[in-house]
Amino acid sequence: MSQRIDPACLMRIKSLELRAKTVVEGTWKGLHRSPYHGFSVEFTEYREYTPGDDPRHIDWKLAARSNEHYIKRFEEETNLCCHMLLDLSTSMQFQSLGYTKAEYAKTLVATFAYFLAQQRDATGLIIFDEQVETVIPARFTRGQLRRILIELERPPQGSHTNLISPLKHAVETIKKRGLVVLISDLMSPLDELNTHLGYLRAQGHEVALFQILDPAEIHLNFHETAIFEDLETGERIALNPKAARENYQQQLQEHQAAIQSFCRKQGVHYHQLTTDMPLELGLSEFLTDRAA
């Protein structure tokens, strides 16, 4: 792999599209080996006709012989269809490095969208906080990348995190099997998360979960007693970080272990990224994981 990009340098680029292009084209272009076929019009197999299919693809010779109607499937139908679910709740505004988890996560989404557009894959976006705020259905069109980038540039409006609402929306509305990517800090109760990820898996979707954390959240590397505020509830407590560190890290490890456990059981790709980690490192691991 070529030289990695310092995320602090990357975040100084104002244009989200240029950040994505820098990661994709400057570092790991060509790394991806998609298990899906590329855009092609080569015939692959038949499937039964269903209302809504283009009748031009019916094999009429086969219909005359069998009195059944079948559609010729083409390899283009197997192109990847990716839906990204992005958490922009208030907890994603935490930062210790000069940029927020939300900015890092937006850059990750933009990079995915840019890369998939290069591959002519369909991409969609769901932005959520305590409710679903934005829905862009997955498409591969000329303006889809621009539409996603515009939505990513909008400032977040919500406060609390509700991980279930976007997952329910995905279960109910995503009909074509594909890749569903959930991007969040997962700093919220995990109740029902396992169940709803399971629903997506039962529908045949490949599911990936990216947990975005700030290094300070992992290490609690503050030195002085201070007032700490919960960004979502506004609750404030006086805390001596040195005294609280051991108990905090134990609870965090248990939280992380629970996430990793149900991801393994559900066959969900799990990747933890900290905001000091070069984006291309985490992404290349994810792509390697998918191709394995």
C-alpha atoms as a PDB file:
ATOM      1  CA  MET A   1       0.000   0.000   0.000  1.00  0.00           C
ATOM      2  CA  SER A   2       1.178   3.498  -0.747  1.00  0.00           C
ATOM      3  CA  GLN A   3       1.923   6.062   1.951  1.00  0.00           C
ATOM      4  CA  ARG A   4      -0.941   6.474   4.381  1.00  0.00           C
ATOM      5  CA  ILE A   5      -2.755   9.759   4.711  1.00  0.00           C
ATOM      6  CA  ASP A   6      -2.706  11.524   8.081  1.00  0.00           C
ATOM      7  CA  PRO A   7      -6.390  12.045   8.959  1.00  0.00           C
ATOM      8  CA  ALA A   8      -5.556  15.436  10.518  1.00  0.00           C
ATOM      9  CA  CYS A   9      -4.182  16.570   7.149  1.00  0.00           C
ATOM     10  CA  LEU A  10      -7.126  15.047   5.324  1.00  0.00           C
ATOM     11  CA  MET A  11      -9.658  16.889   7.493  1.00  0.00           C
ATOM     12  CA  ARG A  12      -8.049  20.212   6.641  1.00  0.00           C
ATOM     13  CA  ILE A  13      -9.340  19.777   3.097  1.00  0.00           C
ATOM     14  CA  LYS A  14     -12.652  21.649   3.070  1.00  0.00           C
ATOM     15  CA  SER A  15     -14.221  19.835   0.131  1.00  0.00           C
ATOM     16  CA  LEU A  16     -15.715  16.519   1.166  1.00  0.00           C
ATOM     17  CA  GLU A  17     -15.515  15.275  -2.402  1.00  0.00           C
ATOM     18  CA  LEU A  18     -11.827  16.121  -2.606  1.00  0.00           C
ATOM     19  CA  ARG A  19     -11.172  14.281   0.667  1.00  0.00           C
ATOM     20  CA  ALA A  20     -12.895  11.194  -0.729  1.00  0.00           C
ATOM     21  CA  LYS A  21     -11.048  11.459  -4.015  1.00  0.00           C
ATOM     22  CA  THR A  22      -7.744  11.817  -2.160  1.00  0.00           C
ATOM     23  CA  VAL A  23      -8.316   8.604  -0.219  1.00  0.00           C
ATOM     24  CA  VAL A  24      -9.665   6.602  -3.136  1.00  0.00           C
ATOM     25  CA  GLU A  25      -7.365   7.673  -5.912  1.00  0.00           C
ATOM     26  CA  GLY A  26      -4.272   8.454  -3.902  1.00  0.00           C
ATOM     27  CA  THR A  27      -4.037   5.346  -1.824  1.00  0.00           C
ATOM     28  CA  TRP A  28      -6.140   2.318  -2.475  1.00  0.00           C
ATOM     29  CA  LYS A  29      -7.502   2.625  -5.947  1.00  0.00           C
ATOM     30  CA  GLY A  30      -7.303  -0.792  -7.498  1.00  0.00           C
ATOM     31  CA  LEU A  31      -7.189  -2.577  -4.155  1.00  0.00           C
ATOM     32  CA  HIS A  32     -10.835  -3.575  -4.252  1.00  0.00           C
ATOM     33  CA  ARG A  33     -11.606  -6.927  -5.796  1.00  0.00           C
ATOM     34  CA  SER A  34     -15.364  -6.909  -5.769  1.00  0.00           C
ATOM     35  CA  PRO A  35     -17.061 -10.277  -5.399  1.00  0.00           C
ATOM     36  CA  TYR A  36     -19.794  -8.803  -7.559  1.00  0.00           C
ATOM     37  CA  HIS A  37     -19.574  -8.688 -11.292  1.00  0.00           C
ATOM     38  CA  GLY A  38     -18.771  -5.441 -12.962  1.00  0.00           C
ATOM     39  CA  PHE A  39     -21.135  -3.589 -15.227  1.00  0.00           C
ATOM     40  CA  SER A  40     -21.826  -5.864 -18.118  1.00  0.00           C
ATOM     41  CA  VAL A  41     -24.592  -6.955 -20.425  1.00  0.00           C
ATOM     42  CA  GLU A  42     -23.487 -10.549 -20.568  1.00  0.00           C
ATOM     43  CA  PHE A  43     -26.294 -13.002 -19.992  1.00  0.00           C
ATOM     44  CA  THR A  44     -25.873 -15.167 -16.890  1.00  0.00           C
ATOM     45  CA  GLU A  45     -29.050 -17.093 -16.003  1.00  0.00           C
ATOM     46  CA  TYR A  46     -32.861 -17.141 -15.972  1.00  0.00           C
ATOM     47  CA  ARG A  47     -35.272 -16.196 -13.248  1.00  0.00           C
ATOM     48  CA  GLU A  48     -39.072 -16.236 -13.129  1.00  0.00           C
ATOM     49  CA  TYR A  49     -40.850 -13.152 -14.470  1.00  0.00           C
ATOM     50  CA  THR A  50     -42.479 -10.927 -11.860  1.00  0.00           C
ATOM     51  CA  PRO A  51     -44.688  -7.866 -12.423  1.00  0.00           C
ATOM     52  CA  GLY A  52     -42.545  -4.801 -12.917  1.00  0.00           C
ATOM     53  CA  ASP A  53     -39.811  -6.575 -14.854  1.00  0.00           C
ATOM     54  CA  ASP A  54     -38.996  -5.202 -18.265  1.00  0.00           C
ATOM     55  CA  PRO A  55     -40.883  -7.488 -20.727  1.00  0.00           C
ATOM     56  CA  ARG A  56     -38.133  -6.945 -23.300  1.00  0.00           C
ATOM     57  CA  HIS A  57     -35.986  -9.334 -21.253  1.00  0.00           C
ATOM     58  CA  ILE A  58     -38.502 -12.195 -21.403  1.00  0.00           C
ATOM     59  CA  ASP A  59     -37.156 -15.184 -23.297  1.00  0.00           C
ATOM     60  CA  TRP A  60     -40.110 -15.652 -25.692  1.00  0.00           C
ATOM     61  CA  LYS A  61     -38.688 -18.790 -27.297  1.00  0.00           C
ATOM     62  CA  LEU A  62     -38.516 -20.426 -23.878  1.00  0.00           C
ATOM     63  CA  ALA A  63     -42.024 -19.150 -23.112  1.00  0.00           C
ATOM     64  CA  ALA A  64     -43.347 -20.753 -26.314  1.00  0.00           C
ATOM     65  CA  ARG A  65     -41.851 -24.107 -25.367  1.00  0.00           C
ATOM     66  CA  SER A  66     -42.710 -24.130 -21.669  1.00  0.00           C
ATOM     67  CA  ASN A  67     -45.665 -21.749 -21.393  1.00  0.00           C
ATOM     68  CA  GLU A  68     -43.716 -20.132 -18.584  1.00  0.00           C
ATOM     69  CA  HIS A  69     -42.228 -16.667 -18.585  1.00  0.00           C
ATOM     70  CA  TYR A  70     -38.635 -16.254 -17.568  1.00  0.00           C
ATOM     71  CA  ILE A  71     -36.392 -13.214 -17.498  1.00  0.00           C
ATOM     72  CA  LYS A  72     -32.840 -13.324 -18.682  1.00  0.00           C
ATOM     73  CA  ARG A  73     -30.651 -12.060 -15.894  1.00  0.00           C
ATOM     74  CA  PHE A  74     -27.672 -10.012 -16.851  1.00  0.00           C
ATOM     75  CA  GLU A  75     -24.498  -9.513 -14.898  1.00  0.00           C
ATOM     76  CA  GLU A  76     -25.339  -5.854 -14.435  1.00  0.00           C
ATOM     77  CA  GLU A  77     -28.133  -6.964 -12.091  1.00  0.00           C
ATOM     78  CA  THR A  78     -25.550  -8.367  -9.706  1.00  0.00           C
ATOM     79  CA  ASN A  79     -23.745  -5.061  -9.298  1.00  0.00           C
ATOM     80  CA  LEU A  80     -23.431  -4.043  -5.700  1.00  0.00           C
ATOM     81  CA  CYS A  81     -26.280  -2.124  -4.114  1.00  0.00           C
ATOM     82  CA  CYS A  82     -25.011  -0.398  -0.973  1.00  0.00           C
ATOM     83  CA  HIS A  83     -27.035   1.491   1.637  1.00  0.00           C
ATOM     84  CA  MET A  84     -25.105   3.506   4.218  1.00  0.00           C
ATOM     85  CA  LEU A  85     -26.735   4.361   7.546  1.00  0.00           C
ATOM     86  CA  LEU A  86     -24.970   7.333   9.162  1.00  0.00           C
ATOM     87  CA  ASP A  87     -25.386   8.366  12.803  1.00  0.00           C
ATOM     88  CA  LEU A  88     -25.177  12.160  13.232  1.00  0.00           C
ATOM     89  CA  SER A  89     -26.488  12.357  16.779  1.00  0.00           C
ATOM     90  CA  THR A  90     -24.904  14.797  19.208  1.00  0.00           C
ATOM     91  CA  SER A  91     -22.443  12.277  20.632  1.00  0.00           C
ATOM     92  CA  MET A  92     -20.810  12.179  17.199  1.00  0.00           C
ATOM     93  CA  GLN A  93     -19.789  15.819  17.783  1.00  0.00           C
ATOM     94  CA  PHE A  94     -17.165  14.805  20.340  1.00  0.00           C
ATOM     95  CA  GLN A  95     -13.588  15.626  19.423  1.00  0.00           C
ATOM     96  CA  SER A  96     -10.135  15.712  20.937  1.00  0.00           C
ATOM     97  CA  LEU A  97      -8.099  16.028  17.740  1.00  0.00           C
ATOM     98  CA  GLY A  98      -9.510  19.145  16.132  1.00  0.00           C
ATOM     99  CA  TYR A  99     -12.260  17.440  14.150  1.00  0.00           C
ATOM    100  CA  THR A 100     -15.319  15.543  15.269  1.00  0.00           C
ATOM    101  CA  LYS A 101     -16.280  11.911  14.940  1.00  0.00           C
ATOM    102  CA  ALA A 102     -19.072  13.147  12.684  1.00  0.00           C
ATOM    103  CA  GLU A 103     -16.584  14.772  10.288  1.00  0.00           C
ATOM    104  CA  TYR A 104     -14.528  11.595  10.204  1.00  0.00           C
ATOM    105  CA  ALA A 105     -17.662   9.487   9.626  1.00  0.00           C
ATOM    106  CA  LYS A 106     -18.887  11.804   6.862  1.00  0.00           C
ATOM    107  CA  THR A 107     -15.529  11.454   5.140  1.00  0.00           C
ATOM    108  CA  LEU A 108     -15.831   7.690   5.419  1.00  0.00           C
ATOM    109  CA  VAL A 109     -19.287   7.778   3.817  1.00  0.00           C
ATOM    110  CA  ALA A 110     -18.114  10.141   1.088  1.00  0.00           C
ATOM    111  CA  THR A 111     -15.171   7.864   0.371  1.00  0.00           C
ATOM    112  CA  PHE A 112     -17.450   4.853   0.096  1.00  0.00           C
ATOM    113  CA  ALA A 113     -19.830   6.752  -2.187  1.00  0.00           C
ATOM    114  CA  TYR A 114     -17.015   8.023  -4.392  1.00  0.00           C
ATOM    115  CA  PHE A 115     -15.455   4.597  -4.680  1.00  0.00           C
ATOM    116  CA  LEU A 116     -18.733   2.837  -5.450  1.00  0.00           C
ATOM    117  CA  ALA A 117     -19.567   5.466  -8.051  1.00  0.00           C
ATOM    118  CA  GLN A 118     -16.266   4.692  -9.732  1.00  0.00           C
ATOM    119  CA  GLN A 119     -17.339   1.059  -9.867  1.00  0.00           C
ATOM    120  CA  ARG A 120     -20.787   1.947 -11.227  1.00  0.00           C
ATOM    121  CA  ASP A 121     -22.418   0.465  -8.128  1.00  0.00           C
ATOM    122  CA  ALA A 122     -25.658   1.786  -6.666  1.00  0.00           C
ATOM    123  CA  THR A 123     -25.314   3.768  -3.448  1.00  0.00           C
ATOM    124  CA  GLY A 124     -27.885   5.119  -1.004  1.00  0.00           C
ATOM    125  CA  LEU A 125     -27.733   7.035   2.261  1.00  0.00           C
ATOM    126  CA  ILE A 126     -29.829   7.194   5.425  1.00  0.00           C
ATOM    127  CA  ILE A 127     -28.871   9.872   7.969  1.00  0.00           C
ATOM    128  CA  PHE A 128     -30.302   9.526  11.453  1.00  0.00           C
ATOM    129  CA  ASP A 129     -30.123  10.734  15.042  1.00  0.00           C
ATOM    130  CA  GLU A 130     -33.112  10.018  17.282  1.00  0.00           C
ATOM    131  CA  GLN A 131     -35.085   9.536  14.062  1.00  0.00           C
ATOM    132  CA  VAL A 132     -34.462   9.072  10.379  1.00  0.00           C
ATOM    133  CA  GLU A 133     -33.659  12.524   8.974  1.00  0.00           C
ATOM    134  CA  THR A 134     -32.599  11.890   5.387  1.00  0.00           C
ATOM    135  CA  VAL A 135     -33.223   9.076   2.947  1.00  0.00           C
ATOM    136  CA  ILE A 136     -31.548   8.837  -0.440  1.00  0.00           C
ATOM    137  CA  PRO A 137     -32.546   5.569  -2.135  1.00  0.00           C
ATOM    138  CA  ALA A 138     -29.704   3.570  -3.650  1.00  0.00           C
ATOM    139  CA  ARG A 139     -29.151   4.325  -7.306  1.00  0.00           C
ATOM    140  CA  PHE A 140     -26.397   4.498  -9.798  1.00  0.00           C
ATOM    141  CA  THR A 141     -27.038   7.721 -11.660  1.00  0.00           C
ATOM    142  CA  ARG A 142     -24.880  10.557 -12.824  1.00  0.00           C
ATOM    143  CA  GLY A 143     -25.983  12.871 -10.024  1.00  0.00           C
ATOM    144  CA  GLN A 144     -26.180  10.372  -7.149  1.00  0.00           C
ATOM    145  CA  LEU A 145     -22.737  11.087  -5.724  1.00  0.00           C
ATOM    146  CA  ARG A 146     -23.391  14.841  -5.804  1.00  0.00           C
ATOM    147  CA  ARG A 147     -26.723  14.345  -4.039  1.00  0.00           C
ATOM    148  CA  ILE A 148     -25.091  12.313  -1.265  1.00  0.00           C
ATOM    149  CA  LEU A 149     -22.297  14.856  -0.800  1.00  0.00           C
ATOM    150  CA  ILE A 150     -24.792  17.726  -0.519  1.00  0.00           C
ATOM    151  CA  GLU A 151     -26.682  15.913   2.232  1.00  0.00           C
ATOM    152  CA  LEU A 152     -23.453  15.165   4.067  1.00  0.00           C
ATOM    153  CA  GLU A 153     -22.574  18.865   4.076  1.00  0.00           C
ATOM    154  CA  ARG A 154     -25.752  19.796   5.957  1.00  0.00           C
ATOM    155  CA  PRO A 155     -25.222  20.488   9.683  1.00  0.00           C
ATOM    156  CA  PRO A 156     -26.756  17.901  12.044  1.00  0.00           C
ATOM    157  CA  GLN A 157     -29.999  18.887  13.746  1.00  0.00           C
ATOM    158  CA  GLY A 158     -30.797  16.125  16.222  1.00  0.00           C
ATOM    159  CA  SER A 159     -29.576  15.120  19.634  1.00  0.00           C
ATOM    160  CA  HIS A 160     -30.095  11.577  20.893  1.00  0.00           C
ATOM    161  CA  THR A 161     -29.133   8.327  19.183  1.00  0.00           C
ATOM    162  CA  ASN A 162     -31.746   5.824  18.118  1.00  0.00           C
ATOM    163  CA  LEU A 163     -30.052   2.952  16.303  1.00  0.00           C
ATOM    164  CA  ILE A 164     -33.250   0.993  15.811  1.00  0.00           C
ATOM    165  CA  SER A 165     -35.182   3.541  13.785  1.00  0.00           C
ATOM    166  CA  PRO A 166     -32.852   3.477  10.735  1.00  0.00           C
ATOM    167  CA  LEU A 167     -32.514  -0.293  10.918  1.00  0.00           C
ATOM    168  CA  LYS A 168     -36.301  -0.704  10.932  1.00  0.00           C
ATOM    169  CA  HIS A 169     -36.483   1.636   7.963  1.00  0.00           C
ATOM    170  CA  ALA A 170     -33.848  -0.419   6.143  1.00  0.00           C
ATOM    171  CA  VAL A 171     -35.630  -3.697   6.875  1.00  0.00           C
ATOM    172  CA  GLU A 172     -38.945  -2.344   5.607  1.00  0.00           C
ATOM    173  CA  THR A 173     -37.753  -0.482   2.513  1.00  0.00           C
ATOM    174  CA  ILE A 174     -34.630  -2.148   1.082  1.00  0.00           C
ATOM    175  CA  LYS A 175     -35.946  -4.833  -1.221  1.00  0.00           C
ATOM    176  CA  LYS A 176     -32.893  -5.668  -3.294  1.00  0.00           C
ATOM    177  CA  ARG A 177     -30.287  -7.689  -1.478  1.00  0.00           C
ATOM    178  CA  GLY A 178     -26.998  -5.900  -1.080  1.00  0.00           C
ATOM    179  CA  LEU A 179     -24.615  -4.350   1.386  1.00  0.00           C
ATOM    180  CA  VAL A 180     -25.908  -2.366   4.389  1.00  0.00           C
ATOM    181  CA  VAL A 181     -23.284  -0.333   6.251  1.00  0.00           C
ATOM    182  CA  LEU A 182     -24.069   1.132   9.684  1.00  0.00           C
ATOM    183  CA  ILE A 183     -21.691   3.895  10.808  1.00  0.00           C
ATOM    184  CA  SER A 184     -22.005   5.068  14.415  1.00  0.00           C
ATOM    185  CA  ASP A 185     -20.084   5.471  17.642  1.00  0.00           C
ATOM    186  CA  LEU A 186     -22.571   3.007  19.192  1.00  0.00           C
ATOM    187  CA  MET A 187     -22.508   5.114  22.343  1.00  0.00           C
ATOM    188  CA  SER A 188     -26.037   4.135  23.237  1.00  0.00           C
ATOM    189  CA  PRO A 189     -27.831   1.132  24.721  1.00  0.00           C
ATOM    190  CA  LEU A 190     -27.516  -1.912  22.497  1.00  0.00           C
ATOM    191  CA  ASP A 191     -31.031  -3.168  23.205  1.00  0.00           C
ATOM    192  CA  GLU A 192     -32.601  -4.648  20.081  1.00  0.00           C
ATOM    193  CA  LEU A 193     -29.580  -3.835  17.903  1.00  0.00           C
ATOM    194  CA  ASN A 194     -28.679  -7.500  17.643  1.00  0.00           C
ATOM    195  CA  THR A 195     -32.254  -8.387  16.682  1.00  0.00           C
ATOM    196  CA  HIS A 196     -32.534  -5.801  13.914  1.00  0.00           C
ATOM    197  CA  LEU A 197     -29.148  -6.603  12.445  1.00  0.00           C
ATOM    198  CA  GLY A 198     -30.416 -10.191  12.396  1.00  0.00           C
ATOM    199  CA  TYR A 199     -33.498  -9.129  10.423  1.00  0.00           C
ATOM    200  CA  LEU A 200     -31.249  -7.611   7.755  1.00  0.00           C
ATOM    201  CA  ARG A 201     -29.132 -10.754   7.619  1.00  0.00           C
ATOM    202  CA  ALA A 202     -32.273 -12.904   7.358  1.00  0.00           C
ATOM    203  CA  GLN A 203     -33.291 -10.852   4.314  1.00  0.00           C
ATOM    204  CA  GLY A 204     -30.030 -11.842   2.666  1.00  0.00           C
ATOM    205  CA  HIS A 205     -28.187  -8.563   3.102  1.00  0.00           C
ATOM    206  CA  GLU A 206     -24.500  -8.399   3.787  1.00  0.00           C
ATOM    207  CA  VAL A 207     -24.097  -6.136   6.823  1.00  0.00           C
ATOM    208  CA  ALA A 208     -21.101  -4.141   8.002  1.00  0.00           C
ATOM    209  CA  LEU A 209     -20.817  -2.114  11.180  1.00  0.00           C
ATOM    210  CA  PHE A 210     -18.236   0.663  11.518  1.00  0.00           C
ATOM    211  CA  GLN A 211     -17.801   1.964  15.047  1.00  0.00           C
ATOM    212  CA  ILE A 212     -16.187   5.393  15.086  1.00  0.00           C
ATOM    213  CA  LEU A 213     -14.489   6.402  18.333  1.00  0.00           C
ATOM    214  CA  ASP A 214     -12.238   9.217  19.426  1.00  0.00           C
ATOM    215  CA  PRO A 215      -8.983   7.992  21.055  1.00  0.00           C
ATOM    216  CA  ALA A 216      -9.824  10.005  24.180  1.00  0.00           C
ATOM    217  CA  GLU A 217     -13.009   7.964  24.599  1.00  0.00           C
ATOM    218  CA  ILE A 218     -10.978   4.774  24.731  1.00  0.00           C
ATOM    219  CA  HIS A 219      -8.108   5.881  26.921  1.00  0.00           C
ATOM    220  CA  LEU A 220      -9.830   8.583  29.018  1.00  0.00           C
ATOM    221  CA  ASN A 221      -6.460  10.262  28.943  1.00  0.00           C
ATOM    222  CA  PHE A 222      -7.454  13.397  30.826  1.00  0.00           C
ATOM    223  CA  HIS A 223      -5.388  14.344  33.823  1.00  0.00           C
ATOM    224  CA  GLU A 224      -7.292  16.884  35.889  1.00  0.00           C
ATOM    225  CA  THR A 225     -10.602  16.669  37.704  1.00  0.00           C
ATOM    226  CA  ALA A 226     -13.166  18.383  35.533  1.00  0.00           C
ATOM    227  CA  ILE A 227     -16.863  18.637  34.735  1.00  0.00           C
ATOM    228  CA  PHE A 228     -17.773  16.083  32.062  1.00  0.00           C
ATOM    229  CA  GLU A 229     -20.988  16.573  30.080  1.00  0.00           C
ATOM    230  CA  ASP A 230     -23.035  13.955  28.279  1.00  0.00           C
ATOM    231  CA  LEU A 231     -23.511  15.526  24.831  1.00  0.00           C
ATOM    232  CA  GLU A 232     -26.872  13.843  24.305  1.00  0.00           C
ATOM    233  CA  THR A 233     -28.517  14.224  27.715  1.00  0.00           C
ATOM    234  CA  GLY A 234     -26.739  17.353  28.942  1.00  0.00           C
ATOM    235  CA  GLU A 235     -26.047  15.631  32.263  1.00  0.00           C
ATOM    236  CA  ARG A 236     -22.926  16.924  33.975  1.00  0.00           C
ATOM    237  CA  ILE A 237     -20.763  15.217  36.556  1.00  0.00           C
ATOM    238  CA  ALA A 238     -17.506  16.134  38.280  1.00  0.00           C
ATOM    239  CA  LEU A 239     -14.981  13.415  37.567  1.00  0.00           C
ATOM    240  CA  ASN A 240     -11.404  12.613  38.485  1.00  0.00           C
ATOM    241  CA  PRO A 241     -10.234  10.773  35.344  1.00  0.00           C
ATOM    242  CA  LYS A 242      -7.388   8.997  37.104  1.00  0.00           C
ATOM    243  CA  ALA A 243      -9.738   7.546  39.727  1.00  0.00           C
ATOM    244  CA  ALA A 244     -12.457   6.660  37.213  1.00  0.00           C
ATOM    245  CA  ARG A 245     -10.263   5.307  34.420  1.00  0.00           C
ATOM    246  CA  GLU A 246     -10.111   1.656  35.432  1.00  0.00           C
ATOM    247  CA  ASN A 247     -13.853   1.278  35.984  1.00  0.00           C
ATOM    248  CA  TYR A 248     -14.629   3.267  32.810  1.00  0.00           C
ATOM    249  CA  GLN A 249     -12.358   1.147  30.654  1.00  0.00           C
ATOM    250  CA  GLN A 250     -13.774  -2.051  32.091  1.00  0.00           C
ATOM    251  CA  GLN A 251     -17.315  -0.966  31.212  1.00  0.00           C
ATOM    252  CA  LEU A 252     -16.178   0.106  27.756  1.00  0.00           C
ATOM    253  CA  GLN A 253     -14.502  -3.262  27.163  1.00  0.00           C
ATOM    254  CA  GLU A 254     -17.701  -5.059  28.178  1.00  0.00           C
ATOM    255  CA  HIS A 255     -19.686  -2.838  25.810  1.00  0.00           C
ATOM    256  CA  GLN A 256     -17.247  -3.566  22.973  1.00  0.00           C
ATOM    257  CA  ALA A 257     -17.223  -7.289  23.724  1.00  0.00           C
ATOM    258  CA  ALA A 258     -21.022  -7.402  23.512  1.00  0.00           C
ATOM    259  CA  ILE A 259     -20.949  -5.692  20.096  1.00  0.00           C
ATOM    260  CA  GLN A 260     -18.272  -8.001  18.744  1.00  0.00           C
ATOM    261  CA  SER A 261     -20.070 -11.064  20.095  1.00  0.00           C
ATOM    262  CA  PHE A 262     -23.375 -10.458  18.355  1.00  0.00           C
ATOM    263  CA  CYS A 263     -21.601  -9.364  15.166  1.00  0.00           C
ATOM    264  CA  ARG A 264     -19.794 -12.711  15.065  1.00  0.00           C
ATOM    265  CA  LYS A 265     -23.029 -14.607  15.694  1.00  0.00           C
ATOM    266  CA  GLN A 266     -24.913 -12.659  13.025  1.00  0.00           C
ATOM    267  CA  GLY A 267     -22.124 -12.794  10.445  1.00  0.00           C
ATOM    268  CA  VAL A 268     -21.800  -9.001  10.495  1.00  0.00           C
ATOM    269  CA  HIS A 269     -18.499  -7.399   9.504  1.00  0.00           C
ATOM    270  CA  TYR A 270     -17.350  -5.339  12.482  1.00  0.00           C
ATOM    271  CA  HIS A 271     -14.685  -2.662  12.214  1.00  0.00           C
ATOM    272  CA  GLN A 272     -13.633  -0.181  14.845  1.00  0.00           C
ATOM    273  CA  LEU A 273     -12.030   2.997  13.576  1.00  0.00           C
ATOM    274  CA  THR A 274     -10.561   5.667  15.795  1.00  0.00           C
ATOM    275  CA  THR A 275     -10.384   9.168  14.426  1.00  0.00           C
ATOM    276  CA  ASP A 276      -6.591   9.137  14.433  1.00  0.00           C
ATOM    277  CA  MET A 277      -6.571   6.102  12.132  1.00  0.00           C
ATOM    278  CA  PRO A 278      -5.887   6.641   8.419  1.00  0.00           C
ATOM    279  CA  LEU A 279      -9.158   5.988   6.656  1.00  0.00           C
ATOM    280  CA  GLU A 280      -7.600   3.857   3.969  1.00  0.00           C
ATOM    281  CA  LEU A 281      -6.228   1.452   6.587  1.00  0.00           C
ATOM    282  CA  GLY A 282      -9.623   0.571   7.988  1.00  0.00           C
ATOM    283  CA  LEU A 283     -11.217   0.479   4.582  1.00  0.00           C
ATOM    284  CA  SER A 284      -8.599  -1.762   3.074  1.00  0.00           C
ATOM    285  CA  GLU A 285      -9.090  -4.200   5.952  1.00  0.00           C
ATOM    286  CA  PHE A 286     -12.819  -4.157   5.301  1.00  0.00           C
ATOM    287  CA  LEU A 287     -12.402  -4.816   1.586  1.00  0.00           C
ATOM    288  CA  THR A 288      -9.925  -7.596   2.285  1.00  0.00           C
ATOM    289  CA  ASP A 289     -12.389  -9.073   4.786  1.00  0.00           C
ATOM    290  CA  ARG A 290     -15.179  -9.044   2.196  1.00  0.00           C
ATOM    291  CA  ALA A 291     -13.046 -10.630  -0.476  1.00  0.00           C
ATOM    292  CA  ALA A 292     -11.879 -13.445   1.820  1.00  0.00           C
END
